[in-house]
Amino acid sequence: MAEHTPESELGSIECFQNYTASEVFVQGLAGIVDQQDVESMIRAQKQMLQRFEKTNEMLMNCNTLCITRLKTASTEFRKHTSLLVEMRKDLDNIFKRIQILKGKTKTQFPEAFAGM
C-alpha cells in the first residue's frame, strides 16, 4: 500500500504543472466518462452534422431558385405596372374626351339634357 507523503503528492501535482486548469479538469472527467458513451455521442454529432449539411445545401438551392424567380417576377411586375400606368393615362384621356363631347352635345342640344 502506497503511503501518502508530501513528496508523493508533490510528484502528482508536478505532472499537471504544464496544463491549464481546464485541461486538468477535462482529463479528470475523461477518466470518469465511459468511452462507449463518448463514441455514441460522436456518432450522433456526425449524423446531425450530415443532416445540417444536407439542410444547408437544400436551403442554398432554394435561395438560388428564389433569386431567379424573383428576378423574373420583378421584370414582369415592372412590365405590368407600366402597362397599368399607360392604361390609366388612356382612360383619363378617354374620360376627358367624353366630357368635352358631352359638353358640346349639351350646348348643341340643350333640350335633350333638360330632363337630367
N, C-alpha and C. Protein backbone atom coordinates (compact mmCIF):
# COMPACT_ATOMS: atom_id res chain seq x y z
N MET A 1 0.84 -1.16 0.00
CA MET A 1 0.00 0.00 0.00
C MET A 1 0.89 1.23 0.00
N ALA A 2 0.60 2.18 -0.88
CA ALA A 2 1.45 3.36 -1.00
C ALA A 2 1.10 4.36 0.08
N GLU A 3 2.13 4.95 0.60
CA GLU A 3 1.92 5.96 1.64
C GLU A 3 1.68 7.31 1.00
N HIS A 4 0.84 8.13 1.67
CA HIS A 4 0.63 9.49 1.20
C HIS A 4 1.60 10.40 1.94
N THR A 5 2.67 10.69 1.29
CA THR A 5 3.65 11.59 1.88
C THR A 5 3.62 12.88 1.10
N PRO A 6 4.08 13.96 1.70
CA PRO A 6 4.12 15.23 0.96
C PRO A 6 4.92 15.13 -0.32
N GLU A 7 5.95 14.27 -0.35
CA GLU A 7 6.76 14.14 -1.56
C GLU A 7 5.96 13.46 -2.68
N SER A 8 5.16 12.42 -2.32
CA SER A 8 4.38 11.72 -3.35
C SER A 8 3.27 12.62 -3.91
N GLU A 9 2.65 13.43 -3.06
CA GLU A 9 1.62 14.37 -3.52
C GLU A 9 2.26 15.45 -4.39
N LEU A 10 3.46 15.88 -4.05
CA LEU A 10 4.16 16.89 -4.82
C LEU A 10 4.47 16.36 -6.21
N GLY A 11 4.84 15.10 -6.30
CA GLY A 11 5.12 14.49 -7.61
C GLY A 11 3.88 14.44 -8.49
N SER A 12 2.70 14.14 -7.91
CA SER A 12 1.47 14.10 -8.72
C SER A 12 1.04 15.50 -9.13
N ILE A 13 1.34 16.49 -8.33
CA ILE A 13 1.00 17.88 -8.68
C ILE A 13 1.92 18.38 -9.77
N GLU A 14 3.20 17.99 -9.72
CA GLU A 14 4.17 18.46 -10.70
C GLU A 14 3.82 17.98 -12.11
N CYS A 15 3.20 16.83 -12.25
CA CYS A 15 2.88 16.33 -13.59
C CYS A 15 1.78 17.16 -14.25
N PHE A 16 1.01 17.95 -13.49
CA PHE A 16 -0.05 18.80 -14.04
C PHE A 16 0.36 20.26 -14.16
N GLN A 17 1.61 20.58 -13.87
CA GLN A 17 2.02 21.98 -13.89
C GLN A 17 2.03 22.57 -15.30
N ASN A 18 2.23 21.78 -16.31
CA ASN A 18 2.28 22.28 -17.68
C ASN A 18 0.89 22.42 -18.31
N TYR A 19 -0.15 22.06 -17.57
CA TYR A 19 -1.51 22.10 -18.10
C TYR A 19 -2.29 23.23 -17.45
N THR A 20 -3.31 23.72 -18.17
CA THR A 20 -4.20 24.72 -17.58
C THR A 20 -5.22 24.01 -16.71
N ALA A 21 -5.94 24.79 -15.95
CA ALA A 21 -6.93 24.22 -15.04
C ALA A 21 -8.03 23.50 -15.82
N SER A 22 -8.42 24.06 -16.95
CA SER A 22 -9.48 23.42 -17.74
C SER A 22 -9.00 22.10 -18.31
N GLU A 23 -7.74 22.04 -18.73
CA GLU A 23 -7.21 20.78 -19.27
C GLU A 23 -7.15 19.71 -18.18
N VAL A 24 -6.76 20.09 -16.97
CA VAL A 24 -6.72 19.15 -15.85
C VAL A 24 -8.12 18.65 -15.55
N PHE A 25 -9.09 19.56 -15.59
CA PHE A 25 -10.49 19.20 -15.32
C PHE A 25 -10.99 18.20 -16.36
N VAL A 26 -10.70 18.48 -17.63
CA VAL A 26 -11.15 17.60 -18.71
C VAL A 26 -10.49 16.24 -18.58
N GLN A 27 -9.22 16.21 -18.25
CA GLN A 27 -8.53 14.94 -18.07
C GLN A 27 -9.16 14.15 -16.92
N GLY A 28 -9.55 14.86 -15.86
CA GLY A 28 -10.21 14.20 -14.74
C GLY A 28 -11.55 13.62 -15.14
N LEU A 29 -12.30 14.35 -15.96
CA LEU A 29 -13.60 13.85 -16.43
C LEU A 29 -13.42 12.68 -17.39
N ALA A 30 -12.35 12.70 -18.18
CA ALA A 30 -12.13 11.64 -19.15
C ALA A 30 -12.00 10.29 -18.46
N GLY A 31 -11.47 10.29 -17.27
CA GLY A 31 -11.35 9.03 -16.55
C GLY A 31 -12.67 8.55 -16.01
N ILE A 32 -13.63 9.42 -15.85
CA ILE A 32 -14.94 9.07 -15.29
C ILE A 32 -15.92 8.62 -16.38
N VAL A 33 -15.86 9.27 -17.54
CA VAL A 33 -16.83 9.03 -18.61
C VAL A 33 -16.52 7.73 -19.33
N ASP A 34 -17.58 6.99 -19.65
CA ASP A 34 -17.46 5.72 -20.38
C ASP A 34 -17.12 6.01 -21.84
N GLN A 35 -16.16 5.31 -22.39
CA GLN A 35 -15.70 5.54 -23.76
C GLN A 35 -16.79 5.23 -24.78
N GLN A 36 -17.62 4.24 -24.52
CA GLN A 36 -18.72 3.90 -25.44
C GLN A 36 -19.73 5.04 -25.52
N ASP A 37 -19.99 5.68 -24.38
CA ASP A 37 -20.90 6.83 -24.39
C ASP A 37 -20.33 7.96 -25.23
N VAL A 38 -19.04 8.19 -25.09
CA VAL A 38 -18.39 9.23 -25.88
C VAL A 38 -18.48 8.91 -27.36
N GLU A 39 -18.23 7.67 -27.73
CA GLU A 39 -18.31 7.27 -29.14
C GLU A 39 -19.73 7.41 -29.67
N SER A 40 -20.72 7.07 -28.88
CA SER A 40 -22.11 7.22 -29.34
C SER A 40 -22.47 8.69 -29.50
N MET A 41 -21.95 9.55 -28.61
CA MET A 41 -22.20 10.99 -28.77
C MET A 41 -21.53 11.52 -30.03
N ILE A 42 -20.32 11.05 -30.31
CA ILE A 42 -19.61 11.48 -31.52
C ILE A 42 -20.37 11.02 -32.77
N ARG A 43 -20.88 9.77 -32.77
CA ARG A 43 -21.67 9.28 -33.90
C ARG A 43 -22.92 10.13 -34.09
N ALA A 44 -23.59 10.44 -32.99
CA ALA A 44 -24.81 11.27 -33.07
C ALA A 44 -24.48 12.66 -33.61
N GLN A 45 -23.36 13.21 -33.18
CA GLN A 45 -22.96 14.53 -33.66
C GLN A 45 -22.63 14.49 -35.15
N LYS A 46 -21.99 13.42 -35.61
CA LYS A 46 -21.67 13.29 -37.04
C LYS A 46 -22.94 13.16 -37.86
N GLN A 47 -23.91 12.41 -37.34
CA GLN A 47 -25.19 12.28 -38.06
C GLN A 47 -25.90 13.62 -38.14
N MET A 48 -25.90 14.35 -37.05
CA MET A 48 -26.53 15.67 -37.05
C MET A 48 -25.80 16.62 -38.00
N LEU A 49 -24.47 16.54 -38.03
CA LEU A 49 -23.69 17.37 -38.95
C LEU A 49 -24.07 17.06 -40.39
N GLN A 50 -24.21 15.78 -40.73
CA GLN A 50 -24.62 15.41 -42.08
C GLN A 50 -26.00 15.95 -42.40
N ARG A 51 -26.91 15.86 -41.45
CA ARG A 51 -28.27 16.39 -41.67
C ARG A 51 -28.23 17.90 -41.86
N PHE A 52 -27.45 18.58 -41.04
CA PHE A 52 -27.36 20.04 -41.16
C PHE A 52 -26.72 20.44 -42.49
N GLU A 53 -25.72 19.68 -42.94
CA GLU A 53 -25.10 19.98 -44.22
C GLU A 53 -26.08 19.78 -45.37
N LYS A 54 -26.88 18.70 -45.30
CA LYS A 54 -27.90 18.47 -46.33
C LYS A 54 -28.94 19.57 -46.31
N THR A 55 -29.37 19.94 -45.10
CA THR A 55 -30.36 21.00 -44.97
C THR A 55 -29.81 22.32 -45.49
N ASN A 56 -28.56 22.60 -45.17
CA ASN A 56 -27.93 23.82 -45.64
C ASN A 56 -27.85 23.85 -47.16
N GLU A 57 -27.51 22.71 -47.77
CA GLU A 57 -27.44 22.62 -49.22
C GLU A 57 -28.82 22.83 -49.84
N MET A 58 -29.83 22.23 -49.23
CA MET A 58 -31.20 22.41 -49.74
C MET A 58 -31.63 23.87 -49.64
N LEU A 59 -31.28 24.52 -48.54
CA LEU A 59 -31.64 25.93 -48.38
C LEU A 59 -30.90 26.81 -49.39
N MET A 60 -29.66 26.48 -49.67
CA MET A 60 -28.91 27.25 -50.68
C MET A 60 -29.55 27.08 -52.05
N ASN A 61 -29.97 25.85 -52.38
CA ASN A 61 -30.67 25.62 -53.65
C ASN A 61 -31.98 26.39 -53.70
N CYS A 62 -32.69 26.39 -52.59
CA CYS A 62 -33.96 27.12 -52.52
C CYS A 62 -33.72 28.61 -52.70
N ASN A 63 -32.68 29.14 -52.06
CA ASN A 63 -32.36 30.56 -52.20
C ASN A 63 -32.01 30.92 -53.64
N THR A 64 -31.24 30.05 -54.29
CA THR A 64 -30.87 30.29 -55.69
C THR A 64 -32.12 30.30 -56.57
N LEU A 65 -33.00 29.35 -56.35
CA LEU A 65 -34.24 29.29 -57.12
C LEU A 65 -35.10 30.52 -56.86
N CYS A 66 -35.18 30.93 -55.59
CA CYS A 66 -35.98 32.11 -55.24
C CYS A 66 -35.41 33.38 -55.88
N ILE A 67 -34.09 33.49 -55.92
CA ILE A 67 -33.47 34.67 -56.55
C ILE A 67 -33.82 34.72 -58.03
N THR A 68 -33.74 33.58 -58.69
CA THR A 68 -34.07 33.52 -60.12
C THR A 68 -35.52 33.90 -60.36
N ARG A 69 -36.40 33.33 -59.56
CA ARG A 69 -37.83 33.62 -59.74
C ARG A 69 -38.17 35.06 -59.36
N LEU A 70 -37.47 35.60 -58.38
CA LEU A 70 -37.71 36.99 -58.00
C LEU A 70 -37.32 37.93 -59.14
N LYS A 71 -36.20 37.64 -59.80
CA LYS A 71 -35.79 38.48 -60.95
C LYS A 71 -36.85 38.43 -62.04
N THR A 72 -37.34 37.24 -62.34
CA THR A 72 -38.38 37.09 -63.37
C THR A 72 -39.65 37.83 -62.96
N ALA A 73 -40.06 37.64 -61.71
CA ALA A 73 -41.29 38.28 -61.23
C ALA A 73 -41.14 39.80 -61.20
N SER A 74 -39.96 40.29 -60.83
CA SER A 74 -39.73 41.74 -60.79
C SER A 74 -39.83 42.34 -62.19
N THR A 75 -39.25 41.65 -63.16
CA THR A 75 -39.34 42.13 -64.55
C THR A 75 -40.79 42.16 -65.01
N GLU A 76 -41.52 41.10 -64.75
CA GLU A 76 -42.93 41.05 -65.15
C GLU A 76 -43.74 42.10 -64.40
N PHE A 77 -43.44 42.31 -63.13
CA PHE A 77 -44.16 43.30 -62.34
C PHE A 77 -43.95 44.70 -62.91
N ARG A 78 -42.69 45.00 -63.30
CA ARG A 78 -42.42 46.31 -63.90
C ARG A 78 -43.20 46.48 -65.20
N LYS A 79 -43.24 45.42 -66.02
CA LYS A 79 -43.98 45.49 -67.28
C LYS A 79 -45.47 45.74 -67.02
N HIS A 80 -46.03 45.00 -66.08
CA HIS A 80 -47.46 45.15 -65.78
C HIS A 80 -47.75 46.53 -65.18
N THR A 81 -46.84 47.02 -64.36
CA THR A 81 -47.03 48.34 -63.77
C THR A 81 -47.04 49.41 -64.85
N SER A 82 -46.08 49.32 -65.77
CA SER A 82 -46.05 50.32 -66.84
C SER A 82 -47.29 50.20 -67.73
N LEU A 83 -47.77 48.97 -67.96
CA LEU A 83 -48.99 48.78 -68.73
C LEU A 83 -50.18 49.43 -68.03
N LEU A 84 -50.28 49.24 -66.70
CA LEU A 84 -51.38 49.86 -65.95
C LEU A 84 -51.30 51.38 -65.98
N VAL A 85 -50.10 51.91 -65.90
CA VAL A 85 -49.94 53.38 -65.96
C VAL A 85 -50.39 53.89 -67.33
N GLU A 86 -50.00 53.19 -68.39
CA GLU A 86 -50.43 53.59 -69.73
C GLU A 86 -51.95 53.48 -69.88
N MET A 87 -52.52 52.40 -69.34
CA MET A 87 -53.98 52.24 -69.41
C MET A 87 -54.68 53.36 -68.66
N ARG A 88 -54.13 53.74 -67.51
CA ARG A 88 -54.72 54.83 -66.72
C ARG A 88 -54.69 56.14 -67.51
N LYS A 89 -53.56 56.40 -68.17
CA LYS A 89 -53.46 57.61 -68.99
C LYS A 89 -54.48 57.58 -70.12
N ASP A 90 -54.61 56.42 -70.79
CA ASP A 90 -55.57 56.28 -71.88
C ASP A 90 -57.00 56.48 -71.37
N LEU A 91 -57.33 55.89 -70.22
CA LEU A 91 -58.69 56.05 -69.67
C LEU A 91 -58.96 57.50 -69.26
N ASP A 92 -57.96 58.16 -68.69
CA ASP A 92 -58.13 59.57 -68.35
C ASP A 92 -58.36 60.40 -69.61
N ASN A 93 -57.61 60.10 -70.67
CA ASN A 93 -57.78 60.82 -71.94
C ASN A 93 -59.17 60.57 -72.51
N ILE A 94 -59.61 59.31 -72.47
CA ILE A 94 -60.96 58.97 -72.96
C ILE A 94 -62.02 59.69 -72.14
N PHE A 95 -61.86 59.70 -70.82
CA PHE A 95 -62.84 60.37 -69.96
C PHE A 95 -62.90 61.87 -70.28
N LYS A 96 -61.75 62.49 -70.49
CA LYS A 96 -61.75 63.93 -70.84
C LYS A 96 -62.43 64.17 -72.17
N ARG A 97 -62.18 63.31 -73.16
CA ARG A 97 -62.83 63.47 -74.47
C ARG A 97 -64.35 63.29 -74.34
N ILE A 98 -64.76 62.33 -73.54
CA ILE A 98 -66.20 62.13 -73.33
C ILE A 98 -66.81 63.37 -72.69
N GLN A 99 -66.12 63.95 -71.71
CA GLN A 99 -66.63 65.16 -71.06
C GLN A 99 -66.71 66.33 -72.05
N ILE A 100 -65.72 66.45 -72.92
CA ILE A 100 -65.75 67.51 -73.94
C ILE A 100 -66.91 67.28 -74.90
N LEU A 101 -67.08 66.03 -75.37
CA LEU A 101 -68.19 65.72 -76.29
C LEU A 101 -69.53 65.93 -75.60
N LYS A 102 -69.60 65.57 -74.34
CA LYS A 102 -70.84 65.75 -73.58
C LYS A 102 -71.16 67.24 -73.45
N GLY A 103 -70.13 68.04 -73.20
CA GLY A 103 -70.34 69.49 -73.11
C GLY A 103 -70.80 70.09 -74.43
N LYS A 104 -70.18 69.66 -75.54
CA LYS A 104 -70.58 70.16 -76.86
C LYS A 104 -72.01 69.74 -77.19
N THR A 105 -72.33 68.48 -76.86
CA THR A 105 -73.67 67.99 -77.13
C THR A 105 -74.69 68.74 -76.29
N LYS A 106 -74.33 69.05 -75.07
CA LYS A 106 -75.23 69.77 -74.17
C LYS A 106 -75.52 71.18 -74.68
N THR A 107 -74.48 71.82 -75.26
CA THR A 107 -74.70 73.18 -75.81
C THR A 107 -75.47 73.12 -77.12
N GLN A 108 -75.27 72.08 -77.92
CA GLN A 108 -75.96 71.97 -79.20
C GLN A 108 -77.40 71.49 -79.05
N PHE A 109 -77.64 70.60 -78.09
CA PHE A 109 -78.99 70.04 -77.89
C PHE A 109 -79.38 70.16 -76.43
N PRO A 110 -79.66 71.36 -75.95
CA PRO A 110 -79.99 71.55 -74.53
C PRO A 110 -81.28 70.86 -74.13
N GLU A 111 -82.24 70.71 -75.05
CA GLU A 111 -83.50 70.08 -74.71
C GLU A 111 -83.32 68.59 -74.37
N ALA A 112 -82.31 67.94 -74.94
CA ALA A 112 -82.06 66.52 -74.64
C ALA A 112 -81.54 66.34 -73.21
N PHE A 113 -80.87 67.36 -72.68
CA PHE A 113 -80.31 67.27 -71.35
C PHE A 113 -81.17 67.97 -70.29
N ALA A 114 -82.32 68.47 -70.69
CA ALA A 114 -83.18 69.20 -69.76
C ALA A 114 -83.73 68.27 -68.68
N GLY A 115 -83.96 67.04 -68.99
CA GLY A 115 -84.52 66.09 -68.04
C GLY A 115 -83.50 65.55 -67.05
N MET A 116 -82.25 65.79 -67.23
CA MET A 116 -81.22 65.22 -66.35
C MET A 116 -80.90 66.10 -65.21
